C-alpha cells in the first residue's frame, strides 16, 4: 500500500509538471505568434498609413478647439472626454514605436489642423530593452529624440502639444516575463524625466505617470486593463485632468 501511495503521488506530481509545461509552452507560443504577426504587419505597412485616411481635410467647427490624440495603443484606446466644448479626433495606432509615430505625423495629423495634440508614446520603444539590453541607452535616447520631434511638428502647424508622461506598466504575466526586464521601468522613468524638460508656453507636460503609479512603481490595479493598458476608470481619471488643462489653454490662448 505504501509503495502504491507513493507511486500515485509521484504520478500526480509528474502530471502536474507536464500540464504546467504544456500551459507555459502554449502561452509562449501565443506570445511568439503575436510578435510574428506584428512584425509582418509592420513589414507590409511600416508606418500604419492605411489605418486612417491620409492628408484628409475635416472642416473645423467654429469656436470649438480641435484636439487630436496621437501615439500608440495607449493613445488609440483613449476615450474622448464627455465635453461638447471641444472636438476630439483619435489618431493612435497599436504597437507603434515613437519613430513610426513621428514619421506619420504629416500624413495623419497635419491636414487636420488641430489646436492641440495630445501625445502618448514610448512604451513600445522601451519594452524592446528586454530583447536588446546592450542597446538600452540608444533606445532611450532615440525615444526622447522622437518625442521631441513630434512636439516640434505639432508646434510647426500652430498646435499646442500636450505631452503625457509614459504610463507605468503593470505586473507582467507569466507568458511575457521571458520578454521583459526591470530595466524597462527604469527607462520609463528616465524618458519621463526628459519629457518634463520639454515644457514651455507651447508645450504642456501632463504627468499621467504620477496619477497612475503605485508605491512599487507599477500601474495601479484599479486602472489596469492588462499589463500595458488602462481600463475605462483609468481614462476617466486622465480625462478629468486633461479637461482642466484644455480649459486653461482655451482661456489663455487665441487660435
C-alpha atoms as a PDB file:
ATOM      1  CA  UNK A   1       0.000   0.000   0.000  1.00  0.00           C
ATOM      2  CA  UNK A   2       2.817   2.400   0.924  1.00  0.00           C
ATOM      3  CA  UNK A   3       4.532   1.836  -2.446  1.00  0.00           C
ATOM      4  CA  UNK A   4       1.246   2.292  -4.261  1.00  0.00           C
ATOM      5  CA  UNK A   5       0.542   5.551  -2.417  1.00  0.00           C
ATOM      6  CA  UNK A   6       3.985   6.931  -3.273  1.00  0.00           C
ATOM      7  CA  UNK A   7       3.509   5.893  -6.879  1.00  0.00           C
ATOM      8  CA  UNK A   8       0.203   7.753  -7.024  1.00  0.00           C
ATOM      9  CA  UNK A   9       1.800  10.902  -5.551  1.00  0.00           C
ATOM     10  CA  UNK A  10       4.698  10.726  -7.980  1.00  0.00           C
ATOM     11  CA  UNK A  11       2.366  10.209 -10.910  1.00  0.00           C
ATOM     12  CA  UNK A  12       0.207  13.143  -9.829  1.00  0.00           C
ATOM     13  CA  UNK A  13       3.295  15.353  -9.446  1.00  0.00           C
ATOM     14  CA  UNK A  14       4.572  14.419 -12.896  1.00  0.00           C
ATOM     15  CA  UNK A  15       1.163  15.060 -14.438  1.00  0.00           C
ATOM     16  CA  UNK A  16       1.025  18.500 -12.784  1.00  0.00           C
ATOM     17  CA  UNK A  17       4.518  19.303 -14.054  1.00  0.00           C
ATOM     18  CA  UNK A  18       3.589  18.104 -17.539  1.00  0.00           C
ATOM     19  CA  UNK A  19       0.399  20.153 -17.503  1.00  0.00           C
ATOM     20  CA  UNK A  20       2.280  23.235 -16.323  1.00  0.00           C
ATOM     21  CA  UNK A  21       4.894  22.780 -19.017  1.00  0.00           C
ATOM     22  CA  UNK A  22       2.224  22.404 -21.694  1.00  0.00           C
ATOM     23  CA  UNK A  23       0.437  25.529 -20.469  1.00  0.00           C
ATOM     24  CA  UNK A  24       3.661  27.545 -20.448  1.00  0.00           C
ATOM     25  CA  UNK A  25       4.539  26.347 -23.952  1.00  0.00           C
ATOM     26  CA  UNK A  26       1.054  27.298 -25.130  1.00  0.00           C
ATOM     27  CA  UNK A  27       1.353  30.792 -23.631  1.00  0.00           C
ATOM     28  CA  UNK A  28       4.818  31.297 -25.085  1.00  0.00           C
ATOM     29  CA  UNK A  29       3.628  30.094 -28.496  1.00  0.00           C
ATOM     30  CA  UNK A  30       0.763  32.594 -28.454  1.00  0.00           C
ATOM     31  CA  UNK A  31       3.115  35.398 -27.410  1.00  0.00           C
ATOM     32  CA  UNK A  32       5.582  34.492 -30.171  1.00  0.00           C
ATOM     33  CA  UNK A  33       2.727  34.292 -32.691  1.00  0.00           C
ATOM     34  CA  UNK A  34       1.552  37.775 -31.666  1.00  0.00           C
ATOM     35  CA  UNK A  35       5.026  39.216 -32.163  1.00  0.00           C
ATOM     36  CA  UNK A  36       5.340  37.416 -35.506  1.00  0.00           C
ATOM     37  CA  UNK A  37       2.045  38.855 -36.740  1.00  0.00           C
ATOM     38  CA  UNK A  38       3.020  42.352 -35.585  1.00  0.00           C
ATOM     39  CA  UNK A  39       6.374  42.032 -37.341  1.00  0.00           C
ATOM     40  CA  UNK A  40       4.841  41.046 -40.658  1.00  0.00           C
ATOM     41  CA  UNK A  41       2.096  43.661 -40.414  1.00  0.00           C
ATOM     42  CA  UNK A  42       4.820  46.253 -39.939  1.00  0.00           C
ATOM     43  CA  UNK A  43       6.688  44.916 -42.962  1.00  0.00           C
ATOM     44  CA  UNK A  44       3.555  45.382 -45.076  1.00  0.00           C
ATOM     45  CA  UNK A  45       2.761  48.868 -43.767  1.00  0.00           C
ATOM     46  CA  UNK A  46       5.745  50.219 -41.768  1.00  0.00           C
ATOM     47  CA  UNK A  47       4.070  53.451 -40.675  1.00  0.00           C
ATOM     48  CA  UNK A  48       0.496  52.205 -40.423  1.00  0.00           C
ATOM     49  CA  UNK A  49      -0.636  54.714 -43.034  1.00  0.00           C
ATOM     50  CA  UNK A  50      -3.572  52.513 -44.036  1.00  0.00           C
ATOM     51  CA  UNK A  51      -5.115  52.834 -40.574  1.00  0.00           C
ATOM     52  CA  UNK A  52      -6.530  56.316 -41.199  1.00  0.00           C
ATOM     53  CA  UNK A  53      -7.225  58.480 -44.258  1.00  0.00           C
ATOM     54  CA  UNK A  54      -4.039  60.221 -45.367  1.00  0.00           C
ATOM     55  CA  UNK A  55      -3.979  64.019 -45.685  1.00  0.00           C
ATOM     56  CA  UNK A  56      -7.718  64.255 -45.136  1.00  0.00           C
ATOM     57  CA  UNK A  57      -9.292  67.657 -44.593  1.00  0.00           C
ATOM     58  CA  UNK A  58     -12.064  67.859 -41.995  1.00  0.00           C
ATOM     59  CA  UNK A  59     -13.654  71.280 -41.668  1.00  0.00           C
ATOM     60  CA  UNK A  60     -13.134  72.814 -38.245  1.00  0.00           C
ATOM     61  CA  UNK A  61     -16.172  73.754 -36.203  1.00  0.00           C
ATOM     62  CA  UNK A  62     -16.075  77.487 -35.451  1.00  0.00           C
ATOM     63  CA  UNK A  63     -15.480  78.395 -31.807  1.00  0.00           C
ATOM     64  CA  UNK A  64     -14.541  74.786 -30.969  1.00  0.00           C
ATOM     65  CA  UNK A  65     -10.984  73.688 -30.277  1.00  0.00           C
ATOM     66  CA  UNK A  66      -9.876  70.560 -32.137  1.00  0.00           C
ATOM     67  CA  UNK A  67      -7.895  68.048 -30.057  1.00  0.00           C
ATOM     68  CA  UNK A  68      -6.060  65.104 -31.652  1.00  0.00           C
ATOM     69  CA  UNK A  69      -4.907  62.095 -29.624  1.00  0.00           C
ATOM     70  CA  UNK A  70      -1.701  60.825 -31.199  1.00  0.00           C
ATOM     71  CA  UNK A  71       0.619  57.921 -30.439  1.00  0.00           C
ATOM     72  CA  UNK A  72       0.482  54.193 -29.764  1.00  0.00           C
ATOM     73  CA  UNK A  73      -2.234  51.851 -28.430  1.00  0.00           C
ATOM     74  CA  UNK A  74      -2.482  53.854 -25.220  1.00  0.00           C
ATOM     75  CA  UNK A  75      -3.461  56.850 -27.329  1.00  0.00           C
ATOM     76  CA  UNK A  76      -5.651  54.712 -29.598  1.00  0.00           C
ATOM     77  CA  UNK A  77      -7.588  53.444 -26.582  1.00  0.00           C
ATOM     78  CA  UNK A  78      -8.064  56.892 -25.079  1.00  0.00           C
ATOM     79  CA  UNK A  79     -11.805  57.505 -24.871  1.00  0.00           C
ATOM     80  CA  UNK A  80     -12.621  61.146 -25.514  1.00  0.00           C
ATOM     81  CA  UNK A  81     -13.813  63.265 -22.583  1.00  0.00           C
ATOM     82  CA  UNK A  82     -17.535  63.916 -22.409  1.00  0.00           C
ATOM     83  CA  UNK A  83     -17.362  67.568 -23.362  1.00  0.00           C
ATOM     84  CA  UNK A  84     -19.268  69.350 -26.100  1.00  0.00           C
ATOM     85  CA  UNK A  85     -16.929  72.337 -25.832  1.00  0.00           C
ATOM     86  CA  UNK A  86     -14.170  70.584 -27.776  1.00  0.00           C
ATOM     87  CA  UNK A  87     -13.822  68.312 -30.810  1.00  0.00           C
ATOM     88  CA  UNK A  88     -11.754  65.146 -30.293  1.00  0.00           C
ATOM     89  CA  UNK A  89     -10.149  63.065 -33.050  1.00  0.00           C
ATOM     90  CA  UNK A  90      -8.065  59.943 -32.423  1.00  0.00           C
ATOM     91  CA  UNK A  91      -5.002  59.041 -34.464  1.00  0.00           C
ATOM     92  CA  UNK A  92      -3.386  56.413 -32.237  1.00  0.00           C
ATOM     93  CA  UNK A  93      -2.136  53.100 -33.641  1.00  0.00           C
ATOM     94  CA  UNK A  94      -1.497  49.964 -31.607  1.00  0.00           C
ATOM     95  CA  UNK A  95       2.069  48.630 -31.233  1.00  0.00           C
ATOM     96  CA  UNK A  96       3.723  51.672 -32.791  1.00  0.00           C
ATOM     97  CA  UNK A  97       7.090  52.967 -31.655  1.00  0.00           C
ATOM     98  CA  UNK A  98       7.977  56.633 -31.393  1.00  0.00           C
ATOM     99  CA  UNK A  99       9.815  56.641 -34.731  1.00  0.00           C
ATOM    100  CA  UNK A 100       6.780  55.214 -36.558  1.00  0.00           C
ATOM    101  CA  UNK A 101       4.529  57.748 -34.871  1.00  0.00           C
ATOM    102  CA  UNK A 102       6.873  60.614 -35.661  1.00  0.00           C
ATOM    103  CA  UNK A 103       7.153  59.687 -39.328  1.00  0.00           C
ATOM    104  CA  UNK A 104       3.390  59.519 -39.898  1.00  0.00           C
ATOM    105  CA  UNK A 105       2.609  62.856 -38.242  1.00  0.00           C
ATOM    106  CA  UNK A 106       2.406  64.704 -41.536  1.00  0.00           C
ATOM    107  CA  UNK A 107       0.073  62.135 -43.136  1.00  0.00           C
ATOM    108  CA  UNK A 108      -2.305  61.668 -40.202  1.00  0.00           C
ATOM    109  CA  UNK A 109      -2.279  64.930 -38.246  1.00  0.00           C
ATOM    110  CA  UNK A 110      -1.073  67.943 -40.229  1.00  0.00           C
ATOM    111  CA  UNK A 111      -4.107  68.253 -42.520  1.00  0.00           C
ATOM    112  CA  UNK A 112      -6.499  68.033 -39.550  1.00  0.00           C
ATOM    113  CA  UNK A 113      -5.212  71.428 -38.385  1.00  0.00           C
ATOM    114  CA  UNK A 114      -5.612  70.644 -34.692  1.00  0.00           C
ATOM    115  CA  UNK A 115      -5.402  73.283 -31.990  1.00  0.00           C
ATOM    116  CA  UNK A 116      -3.987  70.755 -29.537  1.00  0.00           C
ATOM    117  CA  UNK A 117      -2.163  67.435 -29.939  1.00  0.00           C
ATOM    118  CA  UNK A 118      -2.189  65.004 -27.007  1.00  0.00           C
ATOM    119  CA  UNK A 119       0.897  62.794 -27.320  1.00  0.00           C
ATOM    120  CA  UNK A 120       1.248  59.410 -25.588  1.00  0.00           C
ATOM    121  CA  UNK A 121       4.026  57.220 -26.986  1.00  0.00           C
ATOM    122  CA  UNK A 122       7.223  55.446 -25.963  1.00  0.00           C
ATOM    123  CA  UNK A 123       6.421  52.196 -24.176  1.00  0.00           C
ATOM    124  CA  UNK A 124       6.824  50.129 -27.349  1.00  0.00           C
ATOM    125  CA  UNK A 125      10.339  51.509 -27.763  1.00  0.00           C
ATOM    126  CA  UNK A 126      11.317  50.849 -24.179  1.00  0.00           C
ATOM    127  CA  UNK A 127       9.925  47.325 -23.901  1.00  0.00           C
ATOM    128  CA  UNK A 128      12.456  46.244 -26.563  1.00  0.00           C
ATOM    129  CA  UNK A 129      15.197  46.771 -23.968  1.00  0.00           C
ATOM    130  CA  UNK A 130      14.479  43.230 -22.766  1.00  0.00           C
ATOM    131  CA  UNK A 131      15.354  41.941 -26.241  1.00  0.00           C
ATOM    132  CA  UNK A 132      18.313  44.261 -26.869  1.00  0.00           C
ATOM    133  CA  UNK A 133      19.825  45.031 -23.447  1.00  0.00           C
ATOM    134  CA  UNK A 134      23.134  46.126 -24.991  1.00  0.00           C
ATOM    135  CA  UNK A 135      21.264  48.897 -26.856  1.00  0.00           C
ATOM    136  CA  UNK A 136      19.412  50.301 -23.847  1.00  0.00           C
ATOM    137  CA  UNK A 137      20.919  53.782 -23.897  1.00  0.00           C
ATOM    138  CA  UNK A 138      20.437  54.103 -27.646  1.00  0.00           C
ATOM    139  CA  UNK A 139      16.798  53.035 -27.350  1.00  0.00           C
ATOM    140  CA  UNK A 140      16.161  55.610 -24.613  1.00  0.00           C
ATOM    141  CA  UNK A 141      17.970  58.382 -26.484  1.00  0.00           C
ATOM    142  CA  UNK A 142      16.129  57.685 -29.740  1.00  0.00           C
ATOM    143  CA  UNK A 143      12.788  57.617 -27.934  1.00  0.00           C
ATOM    144  CA  UNK A 144      13.486  61.003 -26.384  1.00  0.00           C
ATOM    145  CA  UNK A 145      14.531  62.470 -29.729  1.00  0.00           C
ATOM    146  CA  UNK A 146      11.407  61.176 -31.479  1.00  0.00           C
ATOM    147  CA  UNK A 147       9.087  62.566 -28.825  1.00  0.00           C
ATOM    148  CA  UNK A 148      10.845  65.916 -29.125  1.00  0.00           C
ATOM    149  CA  UNK A 149      10.348  65.749 -32.900  1.00  0.00           C
ATOM    150  CA  UNK A 150       6.595  65.106 -32.542  1.00  0.00           C
ATOM    151  CA  UNK A 151       6.371  68.104 -30.226  1.00  0.00           C
ATOM    152  CA  UNK A 152       8.261  70.224 -32.766  1.00  0.00           C
ATOM    153  CA  UNK A 153       5.982  69.070 -35.596  1.00  0.00           C
ATOM    154  CA  UNK A 154       2.930  69.970 -33.506  1.00  0.00           C
ATOM    155  CA  UNK A 155       4.289  73.457 -32.932  1.00  0.00           C
ATOM    156  CA  UNK A 156       5.102  73.914 -36.629  1.00  0.00           C
ATOM    157  CA  UNK A 157       1.418  73.589 -37.501  1.00  0.00           C
ATOM    158  CA  UNK A 158       0.451  76.028 -34.757  1.00  0.00           C
ATOM    159  CA  UNK A 159      -0.859  73.484 -32.250  1.00  0.00           C
ATOM    160  CA  UNK A 160      -0.172  73.295 -28.545  1.00  0.00           C
ATOM    161  CA  UNK A 161       1.456  69.963 -27.665  1.00  0.00           C
ATOM    162  CA  UNK A 162       0.168  68.221 -24.541  1.00  0.00           C
ATOM    163  CA  UNK A 163       2.842  65.602 -23.892  1.00  0.00           C
ATOM    164  CA  UNK A 164       1.805  62.942 -21.416  1.00  0.00           C
ATOM    165  CA  UNK A 165       4.474  61.116 -19.495  1.00  0.00           C
ATOM    166  CA  UNK A 166       4.636  57.409 -20.389  1.00  0.00           C
ATOM    167  CA  UNK A 167       2.163  55.363 -18.352  1.00  0.00           C
ATOM    168  CA  UNK A 168       3.665  52.841 -15.900  1.00  0.00           C
ATOM    169  CA  UNK A 169       3.449  49.160 -16.788  1.00  0.00           C
ATOM    170  CA  UNK A 170       1.559  46.747 -14.575  1.00  0.00           C
ATOM    171  CA  UNK A 171       2.650  43.440 -13.102  1.00  0.00           C
ATOM    172  CA  UNK A 172       3.849  41.275 -16.000  1.00  0.00           C
ATOM    173  CA  UNK A 173       2.101  37.913 -16.601  1.00  0.00           C
ATOM    174  CA  UNK A 174       3.955  34.619 -16.946  1.00  0.00           C
ATOM    175  CA  UNK A 175       3.934  34.499 -20.753  1.00  0.00           C
ATOM    176  CA  UNK A 176       5.512  37.959 -21.050  1.00  0.00           C
ATOM    177  CA  UNK A 177       8.240  37.509 -18.412  1.00  0.00           C
ATOM    178  CA  UNK A 178      10.775  35.990 -20.872  1.00  0.00           C
ATOM    179  CA  UNK A 179      10.371  39.178 -22.923  1.00  0.00           C
ATOM    180  CA  UNK A 180      10.513  41.639 -20.021  1.00  0.00           C
ATOM    181  CA  UNK A 181      13.144  43.339 -17.878  1.00  0.00           C
ATOM    182  CA  UNK A 182      13.196  45.545 -14.766  1.00  0.00           C
ATOM    183  CA  UNK A 183      15.252  47.964 -16.848  1.00  0.00           C
ATOM    184  CA  UNK A 184      12.094  48.871 -18.760  1.00  0.00           C
ATOM    185  CA  UNK A 185      10.613  50.530 -15.691  1.00  0.00           C
ATOM    186  CA  UNK A 186      13.830  52.482 -15.120  1.00  0.00           C
ATOM    187  CA  UNK A 187      13.850  53.577 -18.749  1.00  0.00           C
ATOM    188  CA  UNK A 188      10.251  54.797 -18.471  1.00  0.00           C
ATOM    189  CA  UNK A 189      11.267  56.992 -15.536  1.00  0.00           C
ATOM    190  CA  UNK A 190      14.294  58.286 -17.464  1.00  0.00           C
ATOM    191  CA  UNK A 191      12.218  59.241 -20.506  1.00  0.00           C
ATOM    192  CA  UNK A 192       9.569  60.825 -18.290  1.00  0.00           C
ATOM    193  CA  UNK A 193      12.229  62.950 -16.618  1.00  0.00           C
ATOM    194  CA  UNK A 194      13.287  64.092 -20.089  1.00  0.00           C
ATOM    195  CA  UNK A 195       9.685  64.843 -21.101  1.00  0.00           C
ATOM    196  CA  UNK A 196       9.421  67.175 -18.099  1.00  0.00           C
ATOM    197  CA  UNK A 197      12.194  69.326 -19.607  1.00  0.00           C
ATOM    198  CA  UNK A 198      10.148  69.976 -22.776  1.00  0.00           C
ATOM    199  CA  UNK A 199       7.612  72.195 -21.025  1.00  0.00           C
ATOM    200  CA  UNK A 200       7.252  75.726 -22.380  1.00  0.00           C
ATOM    201  CA  UNK A 201       4.450  78.094 -23.386  1.00  0.00           C
ATOM    202  CA  UNK A 202       3.520  75.888 -26.356  1.00  0.00           C
ATOM    203  CA  UNK A 203       4.233  72.520 -24.728  1.00  0.00           C
ATOM    204  CA  UNK A 204       2.257  71.302 -21.730  1.00  0.00           C
ATOM    205  CA  UNK A 205       3.599  68.298 -19.835  1.00  0.00           C
ATOM    206  CA  UNK A 206       0.768  66.183 -18.444  1.00  0.00           C
ATOM    207  CA  UNK A 207       2.193  63.869 -15.774  1.00  0.00           C
ATOM    208  CA  UNK A 208      -0.067  60.856 -16.316  1.00  0.00           C
ATOM    209  CA  UNK A 209       2.542  58.541 -14.771  1.00  0.00           C
ATOM    210  CA  UNK A 210       2.175  60.183 -11.350  1.00  0.00           C
ATOM    211  CA  UNK A 211      -1.597  59.690 -11.426  1.00  0.00           C
ATOM    212  CA  UNK A 212      -1.429  56.008 -12.362  1.00  0.00           C
ATOM    213  CA  UNK A 213       1.555  54.571 -10.462  1.00  0.00           C
ATOM    214  CA  UNK A 214       1.504  52.664  -7.165  1.00  0.00           C
ATOM    215  CA  UNK A 215       4.187  52.568  -4.466  1.00  0.00           C
ATOM    216  CA  UNK A 216       6.019  49.735  -6.227  1.00  0.00           C
ATOM    217  CA  UNK A 217       6.272  51.695  -9.464  1.00  0.00           C
ATOM    218  CA  UNK A 218       3.560  49.627 -11.147  1.00  0.00           C
ATOM    219  CA  UNK A 219       0.267  50.567 -12.774  1.00  0.00           C
ATOM    220  CA  UNK A 220      -2.427  50.751 -10.096  1.00  0.00           C
ATOM    221  CA  UNK A 221      -4.678  47.685 -10.258  1.00  0.00           C
ATOM    222  CA  UNK A 222      -7.872  49.741 -10.270  1.00  0.00           C
ATOM    223  CA  UNK A 223      -6.799  51.408 -13.528  1.00  0.00           C
ATOM    224  CA  UNK A 224      -5.379  48.314 -15.213  1.00  0.00           C
ATOM    225  CA  UNK A 225      -6.849  46.509 -18.222  1.00  0.00           C
ATOM    226  CA  UNK A 226      -3.694  44.440 -18.713  1.00  0.00           C
ATOM    227  CA  UNK A 227      -0.007  44.935 -18.006  1.00  0.00           C
ATOM    228  CA  UNK A 228       0.322  47.700 -20.607  1.00  0.00           C
ATOM    229  CA  UNK A 229      -3.124  49.235 -20.983  1.00  0.00           C
ATOM    230  CA  UNK A 230      -5.668  51.193 -18.976  1.00  0.00           C
ATOM    231  CA  UNK A 231      -9.280  50.311 -18.284  1.00  0.00           C
ATOM    232  CA  UNK A 232     -12.156  52.772 -18.537  1.00  0.00           C
ATOM    233  CA  UNK A 233     -11.578  54.039 -14.998  1.00  0.00           C
ATOM    234  CA  UNK A 234      -8.000  54.923 -15.907  1.00  0.00           C
ATOM    235  CA  UNK A 235      -9.085  57.066 -18.831  1.00  0.00           C
ATOM    236  CA  UNK A 236     -11.826  58.699 -16.764  1.00  0.00           C
ATOM    237  CA  UNK A 237      -9.114  59.741 -14.308  1.00  0.00           C
ATOM    238  CA  UNK A 238      -6.882  61.095 -17.077  1.00  0.00           C
ATOM    239  CA  UNK A 239      -9.758  62.904 -18.781  1.00  0.00           C
ATOM    240  CA  UNK A 240     -10.655  64.679 -15.570  1.00  0.00           C
ATOM    241  CA  UNK A 241      -7.200  66.243 -15.533  1.00  0.00           C
ATOM    242  CA  UNK A 242      -6.961  66.646 -19.304  1.00  0.00           C
ATOM    243  CA  UNK A 243     -10.125  68.748 -19.487  1.00  0.00           C
ATOM    244  CA  UNK A 244      -8.703  71.048 -16.812  1.00  0.00           C
ATOM    245  CA  UNK A 245      -5.581  71.516 -18.952  1.00  0.00           C
ATOM    246  CA  UNK A 246      -7.591  72.165 -22.114  1.00  0.00           C
ATOM    247  CA  UNK A 247      -9.903  74.590 -20.314  1.00  0.00           C
ATOM    248  CA  UNK A 248      -6.884  76.559 -19.108  1.00  0.00           C
ATOM    249  CA  UNK A 249      -5.366  76.645 -22.601  1.00  0.00           C
ATOM    250  CA  UNK A 250      -8.740  77.727 -24.030  1.00  0.00           C
ATOM    251  CA  UNK A 251      -8.904  80.646 -21.613  1.00  0.00           C
ATOM    252  CA  UNK A 252      -5.341  81.758 -22.264  1.00  0.00           C
ATOM    253  CA  UNK A 253      -4.793  81.127 -25.975  1.00  0.00           C
ATOM    254  CA  UNK A 254      -6.132  82.692 -29.151  1.00  0.00           C
ATOM    255  CA  UNK A 255      -6.031  80.303 -32.106  1.00  0.00           C
END
